[in-house]
Amino acid sequence: MLTEQQVSRSWGNLFKGSDSISDETVDRAAALLDELRPESPLRHRLGVELDEIRQMVAKKG
């Protein structure tokens, strides 16, 4: 299990400077969320963000 700081850093690196987001990137982001405790506020916040990213990807694709 990763710390919230590690997940936050990895999350930022996934989407840093990315003009297009692939399905692989979305899958990697979801895997990062799985590393956090279910009650984690960071997990909730990033989960909402991931849902928004998925919607954006779906609109483009």
C-alpha atoms as a PDB file:
ATOM      1  CA  MET A   1       0.000   0.000   0.000  1.00  0.00           C
ATOM      2  CA  LEU A   2       1.344   3.422  -0.962  1.00  0.00           C
ATOM      3  CA  THR A   3       1.163   6.555   1.159  1.00  0.00           C
ATOM      4  CA  GLU A   4      -1.119   9.413   0.162  1.00  0.00           C
ATOM      5  CA  GLN A   5       1.955  11.479  -0.675  1.00  0.00           C
ATOM      6  CA  GLN A   6       3.278   8.788  -3.020  1.00  0.00           C
ATOM      7  CA  VAL A   7      -0.089   8.426  -4.743  1.00  0.00           C
ATOM      8  CA  SER A   8      -0.448  12.191  -5.096  1.00  0.00           C
ATOM      9  CA  ARG A   9       3.017  12.492  -6.636  1.00  0.00           C
ATOM     10  CA  SER A  10       2.442   9.567  -9.017  1.00  0.00           C
ATOM     11  CA  TRP A  11      -0.987  10.945  -9.973  1.00  0.00           C
ATOM     12  CA  GLY A  12       0.536  14.289 -10.900  1.00  0.00           C
ATOM     13  CA  ASN A  13       3.225  12.585 -12.957  1.00  0.00           C
ATOM     14  CA  LEU A  14       0.615  10.580 -14.879  1.00  0.00           C
ATOM     15  CA  PHE A  15      -1.159  13.668 -16.152  1.00  0.00           C
ATOM     16  CA  LYS A  16       1.723  16.167 -16.180  1.00  0.00           C
ATOM     17  CA  GLY A  17       2.145  17.725 -19.620  1.00  0.00           C
ATOM     18  CA  SER A  18      -0.219  15.250 -21.192  1.00  0.00           C
ATOM     19  CA  ASP A  19      -2.193  16.605 -24.135  1.00  0.00           C
ATOM     20  CA  SER A  20      -3.973  13.328 -24.745  1.00  0.00           C
ATOM     21  CA  ILE A  21      -4.928  10.777 -22.132  1.00  0.00           C
ATOM     22  CA  SER A  22      -4.945   7.130 -23.129  1.00  0.00           C
ATOM     23  CA  ASP A  23      -6.988   4.283 -21.712  1.00  0.00           C
ATOM     24  CA  GLU A  24      -3.738   2.963 -20.228  1.00  0.00           C
ATOM     25  CA  THR A  25      -3.246   6.213 -18.305  1.00  0.00           C
ATOM     26  CA  VAL A  26      -6.787   5.998 -16.942  1.00  0.00           C
ATOM     27  CA  ASP A  27      -6.174   2.381 -15.891  1.00  0.00           C
ATOM     28  CA  ARG A  28      -2.933   3.332 -14.142  1.00  0.00           C
ATOM     29  CA  ALA A  29      -4.726   6.157 -12.326  1.00  0.00           C
ATOM     30  CA  ALA A  30      -7.444   3.741 -11.176  1.00  0.00           C
ATOM     31  CA  ALA A  31      -4.753   1.364  -9.898  1.00  0.00           C
ATOM     32  CA  LEU A  32      -3.258   4.200  -7.866  1.00  0.00           C
ATOM     33  CA  LEU A  33      -6.640   4.812  -6.245  1.00  0.00           C
ATOM     34  CA  ASP A  34      -6.779   1.158  -5.253  1.00  0.00           C
ATOM     35  CA  GLU A  35      -3.609   1.728  -3.226  1.00  0.00           C
ATOM     36  CA  LEU A  36      -5.413   4.142  -0.903  1.00  0.00           C
ATOM     37  CA  ARG A  37      -7.612   3.270   2.056  1.00  0.00           C
ATOM     38  CA  PRO A  38     -11.336   3.329   1.201  1.00  0.00           C
ATOM     39  CA  GLU A  39     -11.981   6.105   3.749  1.00  0.00           C
ATOM     40  CA  SER A  40      -9.159   8.314   2.456  1.00  0.00           C
ATOM     41  CA  PRO A  41     -10.256  11.854   1.505  1.00  0.00           C
ATOM     42  CA  LEU A  42      -7.579  11.818  -1.203  1.00  0.00           C
ATOM     43  CA  ARG A  43      -9.109   8.664  -2.680  1.00  0.00           C
ATOM     44  CA  HIS A  44     -12.492  10.367  -2.828  1.00  0.00           C
ATOM     45  CA  ARG A  45     -11.095  13.556  -4.400  1.00  0.00           C
ATOM     46  CA  LEU A  46      -9.029  11.716  -6.996  1.00  0.00           C
ATOM     47  CA  GLY A  47     -11.925   9.359  -7.685  1.00  0.00           C
ATOM     48  CA  VAL A  48     -14.124  12.312  -8.603  1.00  0.00           C
ATOM     49  CA  GLU A  49     -11.307  13.697 -10.750  1.00  0.00           C
ATOM     50  CA  LEU A  50     -10.866  10.339 -12.481  1.00  0.00           C
ATOM     51  CA  ASP A  51     -14.589  10.202 -13.276  1.00  0.00           C
ATOM     52  CA  GLU A  52     -14.302  13.635 -14.899  1.00  0.00           C
ATOM     53  CA  ILE A  53     -11.247  12.509 -16.880  1.00  0.00           C
ATOM     54  CA  ARG A  54     -13.091   9.405 -18.075  1.00  0.00           C
ATOM     55  CA  GLN A  55     -15.972  11.597 -19.277  1.00  0.00           C
ATOM     56  CA  MET A  56     -13.555  13.857 -21.158  1.00  0.00           C
ATOM     57  CA  VAL A  57     -11.851  10.862 -22.782  1.00  0.00           C
ATOM     58  CA  ALA A  58     -15.211   9.399 -23.786  1.00  0.00           C
ATOM     59  CA  LYS A  59     -16.277  12.676 -25.415  1.00  0.00           C
ATOM     60  CA  LYS A  60     -13.045  12.851 -27.430  1.00  0.00           C
ATOM     61  CA  GLY A  61     -13.141   9.197 -28.449  1.00  0.00           C
END
